[in-house]
Structures are given as C-alpha cells and as structure tokens.
Amino acid sequence: MKSVLFAAALGIAATAVAAEPVEYTLDSGHSQILFKYDHLGYSTTAGMFSGFEGTIIFDAENPEASSVEVSMPVKSMLTGWQERFEHLMSPDFFDASDDEMVSFVSTGIEVTGEDTALITGDLTLNGVTKEIVLDAKLNQASMHPMQNKPWAGFDATVQLLRSDYNLGKFTPFVGDEVDIEISLEAQAAGSGDAN
C-alpha cells in the first residue's frame, strides 16, 4: 500500500492501475525549484527555476522501478535582480553558454512511507555530475478539477554544496550550503496544458 500511495507522487492518480509503465509530463506552469543560501551572515538570498520540462515513467506494478528526468537551461534562472543574474552567469560562477543545461536523472526510488520516498539520482550542474538524494513527499493525487485528467503533485528537498560543482567562489563568506526546495505537478502525457 505504501508503494502504491507514493507512486501517485510520481505522476499517477490514485485511481489508475496499469500493467505497463506509463509516461507522465511535468506541468511546467506549476512546477518550480527554489534555491537559498547564506549571504555573509546578513541575509538568505534566494532564486528559482520555473517553466522547465520533465518526464516521469511510472511502473504501477513496481513503483520503485519508476523514473524521473528533469532538465532546464542554466540561463532560465530567476534571481530577481539582473546584476546578480549576470554575476552568476559570469566566469566567477557558471560562465554559462545559452545552451548549458541543468539536469536530474533518477537512478533509484525507495518508498519510505505512505506519502514519502527517497529519490536517488544524478544531478548535472556546471558540467559536474554527482549523485544526490531527494527527500520527497506526496501532496495530492486525484483527477484535475479543470482538466479532468490524472494529476499529482509532490514536494522534495535536498541540500547541495556549491563547491562540489566548482561554484564555490567567495566561500566561506557566502555559504557553501545551498538549500533546494522543489514543488512539482505532473499530468498524464498528452493531457494538454493546465490553467
């Protein structure tokens, strides 16, 4: 039962059962990744990614064999201040090209409770790939009230060290630890756009 319930967080409605793996897509308009870090002890600075794409392959018979892939251009980062964005894209940090991507590809899912799981995967950031573990939680799985399609949403958190990705300039004054908060919605593939 735990596996079935958490599986909904990976994009399947609680009422759906399928013998073959099923593809779901992220609702780009209602999915975001927030990041926060300490700035000289004076403030917590934040930014986000939104509007990105991703695919979930759900295996109803074996939810722990399901998978998640998400990617986004580095330059889609939102900081709320153009000068900060330009600095983060400069050689001090990303030295980012227009086509440089951030990506996450899951390699394993461990169901830990009725609405929780640990999602292990490879995060590629600034040309470095490292394994991370997302602490994920189901928010809701149901038929979308406007789209009338299977829909699900979940939150996840993880802490990264930016120095692990060759982004450690100004440490320890600017915090090395970056707290990541993820909130995603997923819809049955081909179900159309959300409102």
C-alpha atoms as a PDB file:
ATOM      1  CA  MET A   1       0.000   0.000   0.000  1.00  0.00           C
ATOM      2  CA  LYS A   2       2.848   2.397   0.812  1.00  0.00           C
ATOM      3  CA  SER A   3       4.357   1.877  -2.629  1.00  0.00           C
ATOM      4  CA  VAL A   4       1.061   2.497  -4.386  1.00  0.00           C
ATOM      5  CA  LEU A   5       0.370   5.689  -2.437  1.00  0.00           C
ATOM      6  CA  PHE A   6       3.769   7.221  -3.016  1.00  0.00           C
ATOM      7  CA  ALA A   7       3.657   6.211  -6.647  1.00  0.00           C
ATOM      8  CA  ALA A   8       0.942   8.808  -7.056  1.00  0.00           C
ATOM      9  CA  ALA A   9       3.541  11.441  -6.250  1.00  0.00           C
ATOM     10  CA  LEU A  10       5.398  10.344  -9.341  1.00  0.00           C
ATOM     11  CA  GLY A  11       2.523  11.344 -11.549  1.00  0.00           C
ATOM     12  CA  ILE A  12      -0.192   8.650 -11.383  1.00  0.00           C
ATOM     13  CA  ALA A  13      -3.655   9.258  -9.993  1.00  0.00           C
ATOM     14  CA  ALA A  14      -4.677   7.041  -7.116  1.00  0.00           C
ATOM     15  CA  THR A  15      -7.466   5.523  -9.171  1.00  0.00           C
ATOM     16  CA  ALA A  16      -5.274   4.444 -12.083  1.00  0.00           C
ATOM     17  CA  VAL A  17      -3.825   0.965 -12.496  1.00  0.00           C
ATOM     18  CA  ALA A  18      -1.732  -0.106 -15.477  1.00  0.00           C
ATOM     19  CA  ALA A  19       0.145  -3.249 -16.408  1.00  0.00           C
ATOM     20  CA  GLU A  20       2.735  -1.386 -18.474  1.00  0.00           C
ATOM     21  CA  PRO A  21       4.820   1.650 -17.458  1.00  0.00           C
ATOM     22  CA  VAL A  22       3.019   4.903 -18.264  1.00  0.00           C
ATOM     23  CA  GLU A  23       4.542   8.258 -19.235  1.00  0.00           C
ATOM     24  CA  TYR A  24       3.652  11.492 -17.436  1.00  0.00           C
ATOM     25  CA  THR A  25       4.907  15.012 -18.065  1.00  0.00           C
ATOM     26  CA  LEU A  26       5.583  17.831 -15.658  1.00  0.00           C
ATOM     27  CA  ASP A  27       3.136  20.719 -15.654  1.00  0.00           C
ATOM     28  CA  SER A  28       5.736  23.381 -16.456  1.00  0.00           C
ATOM     29  CA  GLY A  29       3.461  26.233 -15.414  1.00  0.00           C
ATOM     30  CA  HIS A  30       3.032  24.885 -11.883  1.00  0.00           C
ATOM     31  CA  SER A  31       6.462  23.441 -11.102  1.00  0.00           C
ATOM     32  CA  GLN A  32       9.353  25.321  -9.544  1.00  0.00           C
ATOM     33  CA  ILE A  33      12.732  24.796  -7.933  1.00  0.00           C
ATOM     34  CA  LEU A  34      13.783  27.307  -5.274  1.00  0.00           C
ATOM     35  CA  PHE A  35      17.345  27.685  -4.007  1.00  0.00           C
ATOM     36  CA  LYS A  36      18.555  29.557  -0.925  1.00  0.00           C
ATOM     37  CA  TYR A  37      21.979  30.315   0.511  1.00  0.00           C
ATOM     38  CA  ASP A  38      23.505  32.437   3.272  1.00  0.00           C
ATOM     39  CA  HIS A  39      24.944  35.780   2.176  1.00  0.00           C
ATOM     40  CA  LEU A  40      27.714  36.890   4.538  1.00  0.00           C
ATOM     41  CA  GLY A  41      25.522  36.116   7.533  1.00  0.00           C
ATOM     42  CA  TYR A  42      23.384  39.162   6.754  1.00  0.00           C
ATOM     43  CA  SER A  43      20.600  37.616   4.720  1.00  0.00           C
ATOM     44  CA  THR A  44      19.309  34.495   2.996  1.00  0.00           C
ATOM     45  CA  THR A  45      19.496  35.029  -0.753  1.00  0.00           C
ATOM     46  CA  ALA A  46      17.100  33.095  -2.963  1.00  0.00           C
ATOM     47  CA  GLY A  47      16.415  32.331  -6.606  1.00  0.00           C
ATOM     48  CA  MET A  48      14.406  29.880  -8.635  1.00  0.00           C
ATOM     49  CA  PHE A  49      13.914  27.927 -11.819  1.00  0.00           C
ATOM     50  CA  SER A  50      10.461  27.624 -13.358  1.00  0.00           C
ATOM     51  CA  GLY A  51       8.913  26.667 -16.687  1.00  0.00           C
ATOM     52  CA  PHE A  52      11.170  23.631 -17.086  1.00  0.00           C
ATOM     53  CA  GLU A  53      10.388  20.264 -18.627  1.00  0.00           C
ATOM     54  CA  GLY A  54      10.436  16.741 -17.288  1.00  0.00           C
ATOM     55  CA  THR A  55       9.189  13.220 -17.828  1.00  0.00           C
ATOM     56  CA  ILE A  56       8.090  10.560 -15.364  1.00  0.00           C
ATOM     57  CA  ILE A  57       7.815   6.904 -16.298  1.00  0.00           C
ATOM     58  CA  PHE A  58       5.541   5.167 -13.788  1.00  0.00           C
ATOM     59  CA  ASP A  59       5.515   1.418 -13.248  1.00  0.00           C
ATOM     60  CA  ALA A  60       2.316   0.597 -11.347  1.00  0.00           C
ATOM     61  CA  GLU A  61       3.343  -2.998 -10.637  1.00  0.00           C
ATOM     62  CA  ASN A  62       6.730  -1.963  -9.272  1.00  0.00           C
ATOM     63  CA  PRO A  63       6.711   1.726  -8.253  1.00  0.00           C
ATOM     64  CA  GLU A  64      10.330   1.624  -7.132  1.00  0.00           C
ATOM     65  CA  ALA A  65      11.255   0.916 -10.769  1.00  0.00           C
ATOM     66  CA  SER A  66       9.700   4.223 -11.855  1.00  0.00           C
ATOM     67  CA  SER A  67      11.912   7.057 -13.066  1.00  0.00           C
ATOM     68  CA  VAL A  68      12.128  10.847 -13.234  1.00  0.00           C
ATOM     69  CA  GLU A  69      14.026  13.120 -15.658  1.00  0.00           C
ATOM     70  CA  VAL A  70      14.088  16.918 -15.426  1.00  0.00           C
ATOM     71  CA  SER A  71      16.168  19.477 -17.326  1.00  0.00           C
ATOM     72  CA  MET A  72      16.362  23.252 -17.718  1.00  0.00           C
ATOM     73  CA  PRO A  73      18.717  25.836 -19.226  1.00  0.00           C
ATOM     74  CA  VAL A  74      21.049  27.413 -16.671  1.00  0.00           C
ATOM     75  CA  LYS A  75      20.104  30.808 -18.101  1.00  0.00           C
ATOM     76  CA  SER A  76      16.450  30.248 -17.169  1.00  0.00           C
ATOM     77  CA  MET A  77      17.472  31.000 -13.573  1.00  0.00           C
ATOM     78  CA  LEU A  78      15.451  33.777 -11.934  1.00  0.00           C
ATOM     79  CA  THR A  79      17.184  35.875  -9.256  1.00  0.00           C
ATOM     80  CA  GLY A  80      15.004  38.981  -9.010  1.00  0.00           C
ATOM     81  CA  TRP A  81      17.998  41.234  -9.716  1.00  0.00           C
ATOM     82  CA  GLN A  82      19.636  41.458 -13.131  1.00  0.00           C
ATOM     83  CA  GLU A  83      23.109  42.237 -11.751  1.00  0.00           C
ATOM     84  CA  ARG A  84      23.037  39.086  -9.590  1.00  0.00           C
ATOM     85  CA  PHE A  85      21.921  37.006 -12.563  1.00  0.00           C
ATOM     86  CA  GLU A  86      24.745  38.407 -14.703  1.00  0.00           C
ATOM     87  CA  HIS A  87      27.283  37.708 -11.967  1.00  0.00           C
ATOM     88  CA  LEU A  88      26.086  34.110 -11.557  1.00  0.00           C
ATOM     89  CA  MET A  89      26.358  33.591 -15.322  1.00  0.00           C
ATOM     90  CA  SER A  90      29.883  35.113 -15.391  1.00  0.00           C
ATOM     91  CA  PRO A  91      33.232  33.245 -15.190  1.00  0.00           C
ATOM     92  CA  ASP A  92      33.102  33.675 -11.383  1.00  0.00           C
ATOM     93  CA  PHE A  93      30.412  31.006 -11.338  1.00  0.00           C
ATOM     94  CA  PHE A  94      28.713  29.239 -14.275  1.00  0.00           C
ATOM     95  CA  ASP A  95      30.380  31.012 -17.225  1.00  0.00           C
ATOM     96  CA  ALA A  96      27.213  29.751 -18.878  1.00  0.00           C
ATOM     97  CA  SER A  97      26.521  29.399 -22.578  1.00  0.00           C
ATOM     98  CA  ASP A  98      22.996  29.789 -23.929  1.00  0.00           C
ATOM     99  CA  ASP A  99      22.598  26.015 -24.322  1.00  0.00           C
ATOM    100  CA  GLU A 100      24.079  24.914 -20.984  1.00  0.00           C
ATOM    101  CA  MET A 101      21.648  22.704 -19.073  1.00  0.00           C
ATOM    102  CA  VAL A 102      20.975  21.596 -15.510  1.00  0.00           C
ATOM    103  CA  SER A 103      19.565  18.069 -15.379  1.00  0.00           C
ATOM    104  CA  PHE A 104      18.448  15.404 -12.927  1.00  0.00           C
ATOM    105  CA  VAL A 105      18.008  11.741 -13.855  1.00  0.00           C
ATOM    106  CA  SER A 106      16.785   9.343 -11.170  1.00  0.00           C
ATOM    107  CA  THR A 107      18.614   6.069 -10.593  1.00  0.00           C
ATOM    108  CA  GLY A 108      16.501   4.627  -7.775  1.00  0.00           C
ATOM    109  CA  ILE A 109      13.421   5.192  -5.650  1.00  0.00           C
ATOM    110  CA  GLU A 110      12.989   3.961  -2.083  1.00  0.00           C
ATOM    111  CA  VAL A 111       9.442   4.208  -0.740  1.00  0.00           C
ATOM    112  CA  THR A 112       9.707   5.147   2.946  1.00  0.00           C
ATOM    113  CA  GLY A 113       6.091   5.760   3.987  1.00  0.00           C
ATOM    114  CA  GLU A 114       2.543   6.206   2.810  1.00  0.00           C
ATOM    115  CA  ASP A 115       3.376   9.568   1.242  1.00  0.00           C
ATOM    116  CA  THR A 116       7.192   9.748   1.326  1.00  0.00           C
ATOM    117  CA  ALA A 117      10.147   8.404  -0.600  1.00  0.00           C
ATOM    118  CA  LEU A 118      13.850   8.931  -1.208  1.00  0.00           C
ATOM    119  CA  ILE A 119      14.656   9.535  -4.880  1.00  0.00           C
ATOM    120  CA  THR A 120      18.315   8.956  -5.744  1.00  0.00           C
ATOM    121  CA  GLY A 121      19.669  10.332  -8.984  1.00  0.00           C
ATOM    122  CA  ASP A 122      22.436  12.081 -10.882  1.00  0.00           C
ATOM    123  CA  LEU A 123      22.432  15.869 -10.846  1.00  0.00           C
ATOM    124  CA  THR A 124      24.466  17.513 -13.604  1.00  0.00           C
ATOM    125  CA  LEU A 125      25.279  21.124 -12.787  1.00  0.00           C
ATOM    126  CA  ASN A 126      28.044  23.310 -14.220  1.00  0.00           C
ATOM    127  CA  GLY A 127      29.466  20.331 -16.117  1.00  0.00           C
ATOM    128  CA  VAL A 128      29.775  18.183 -12.961  1.00  0.00           C
ATOM    129  CA  THR A 129      27.610  15.120 -12.301  1.00  0.00           C
ATOM    130  CA  LYS A 130      27.100  13.934  -8.728  1.00  0.00           C
ATOM    131  CA  GLU A 131      24.628  11.630  -7.013  1.00  0.00           C
ATOM    132  CA  ILE A 132      22.049  13.304  -4.779  1.00  0.00           C
ATOM    133  CA  VAL A 133      19.067  12.041  -2.772  1.00  0.00           C
ATOM    134  CA  LEU A 134      15.785  13.947  -2.806  1.00  0.00           C
ATOM    135  CA  ASP A 135      13.563  13.681   0.267  1.00  0.00           C
ATOM    136  CA  ALA A 136      10.161  13.644  -1.442  1.00  0.00           C
ATOM    137  CA  LYS A 137       6.576  13.840  -0.203  1.00  0.00           C
ATOM    138  CA  LEU A 138       3.222  13.342  -1.933  1.00  0.00           C
ATOM    139  CA  ASN A 139       0.966  16.399  -1.771  1.00  0.00           C
ATOM    140  CA  GLN A 140      -2.083  15.130  -3.637  1.00  0.00           C
ATOM    141  CA  ALA A 141      -3.111  12.695  -6.351  1.00  0.00           C
ATOM    142  CA  SER A 142      -6.535  12.974  -7.994  1.00  0.00           C
ATOM    143  CA  MET A 143      -8.396  13.902 -11.127  1.00  0.00           C
ATOM    144  CA  HIS A 144      -7.560  17.512 -12.053  1.00  0.00           C
ATOM    145  CA  PRO A 145     -10.720  19.588 -11.389  1.00  0.00           C
ATOM    146  CA  MET A 146     -10.353  21.592 -14.620  1.00  0.00           C
ATOM    147  CA  GLN A 147      -8.556  19.181 -16.940  1.00  0.00           C
ATOM    148  CA  ASN A 148     -10.410  16.046 -15.784  1.00  0.00           C
ATOM    149  CA  LYS A 149      -7.181  14.047 -16.160  1.00  0.00           C
ATOM    150  CA  PRO A 150      -4.993  12.131 -13.697  1.00  0.00           C
ATOM    151  CA  TRP A 151      -2.805  14.652 -11.871  1.00  0.00           C
ATOM    152  CA  ALA A 152      -0.375  14.539  -8.965  1.00  0.00           C
ATOM    153  CA  GLY A 153       1.950  16.857  -7.083  1.00  0.00           C
ATOM    154  CA  PHE A 154       4.820  16.455  -4.700  1.00  0.00           C
ATOM    155  CA  ASP A 155       7.452  18.435  -2.838  1.00  0.00           C
ATOM    156  CA  ALA A 156      11.089  17.494  -2.303  1.00  0.00           C
ATOM    157  CA  THR A 157      14.132  18.934  -0.564  1.00  0.00           C
ATOM    158  CA  VAL A 158      17.880  18.454  -0.726  1.00  0.00           C
ATOM    159  CA  GLN A 159      20.968  20.391   0.365  1.00  0.00           C
ATOM    160  CA  LEU A 160      23.899  20.807  -2.032  1.00  0.00           C
ATOM    161  CA  LEU A 161      27.428  22.108  -1.589  1.00  0.00           C
ATOM    162  CA  ARG A 162      28.086  24.535  -4.415  1.00  0.00           C
ATOM    163  CA  SER A 163      31.812  23.838  -4.145  1.00  0.00           C
ATOM    164  CA  ASP A 164      31.056  20.250  -5.262  1.00  0.00           C
ATOM    165  CA  TYR A 165      30.061  21.735  -8.624  1.00  0.00           C
ATOM    166  CA  ASN A 166      33.006  24.150  -8.998  1.00  0.00           C
ATOM    167  CA  LEU A 167      30.813  27.065  -7.909  1.00  0.00           C
ATOM    168  CA  GLY A 168      32.475  27.759  -4.566  1.00  0.00           C
ATOM    169  CA  LYS A 169      33.793  31.278  -5.111  1.00  0.00           C
ATOM    170  CA  PHE A 170      33.635  33.528  -2.008  1.00  0.00           C
ATOM    171  CA  THR A 171      33.230  30.635   0.457  1.00  0.00           C
ATOM    172  CA  PRO A 172      33.090  30.601   3.413  1.00  0.00           C
ATOM    173  CA  PHE A 173      31.797  34.196   3.468  1.00  0.00           C
ATOM    174  CA  VAL A 174      28.981  33.307   1.101  1.00  0.00           C
ATOM    175  CA  GLY A 175      27.585  29.997   2.322  1.00  0.00           C
ATOM    176  CA  ASP A 176      28.668  26.822   0.572  1.00  0.00           C
ATOM    177  CA  GLU A 177      25.409  25.080   1.504  1.00  0.00           C
ATOM    178  CA  VAL A 178      22.512  25.637  -0.863  1.00  0.00           C
ATOM    179  CA  ASP A 179      19.057  24.520   0.271  1.00  0.00           C
ATOM    180  CA  ILE A 180      16.843  23.314  -2.560  1.00  0.00           C
ATOM    181  CA  GLU A 181      13.031  23.232  -2.331  1.00  0.00           C
ATOM    182  CA  ILE A 182      11.137  21.574  -5.195  1.00  0.00           C
ATOM    183  CA  SER A 183       7.400  21.611  -5.854  1.00  0.00           C
ATOM    184  CA  LEU A 184       6.139  19.792  -8.954  1.00  0.00           C
ATOM    185  CA  GLU A 185       2.887  18.865 -10.632  1.00  0.00           C
ATOM    186  CA  ALA A 186       2.624  16.083 -13.217  1.00  0.00           C
ATOM    187  CA  GLN A 187      -0.079  15.163 -15.700  1.00  0.00           C
ATOM    188  CA  ALA A 188      -0.839  12.207 -17.887  1.00  0.00           C
ATOM    189  CA  ALA A 189       1.171  12.614 -21.102  1.00  0.00           C
ATOM    190  CA  GLY A 190      -0.853  14.231 -23.867  1.00  0.00           C
ATOM    191  CA  SER A 191      -3.483  15.591 -21.469  1.00  0.00           C
ATOM    192  CA  GLY A 192      -2.998  19.198 -22.527  1.00  0.00           C
ATOM    193  CA  ASP A 193      -1.936  22.328 -20.723  1.00  0.00           C
ATOM    194  CA  ALA A 194      -3.047  23.293 -17.219  1.00  0.00           C
ATOM    195  CA  ASN A 195      -4.810  26.503 -16.296  1.00  0.00           C
END
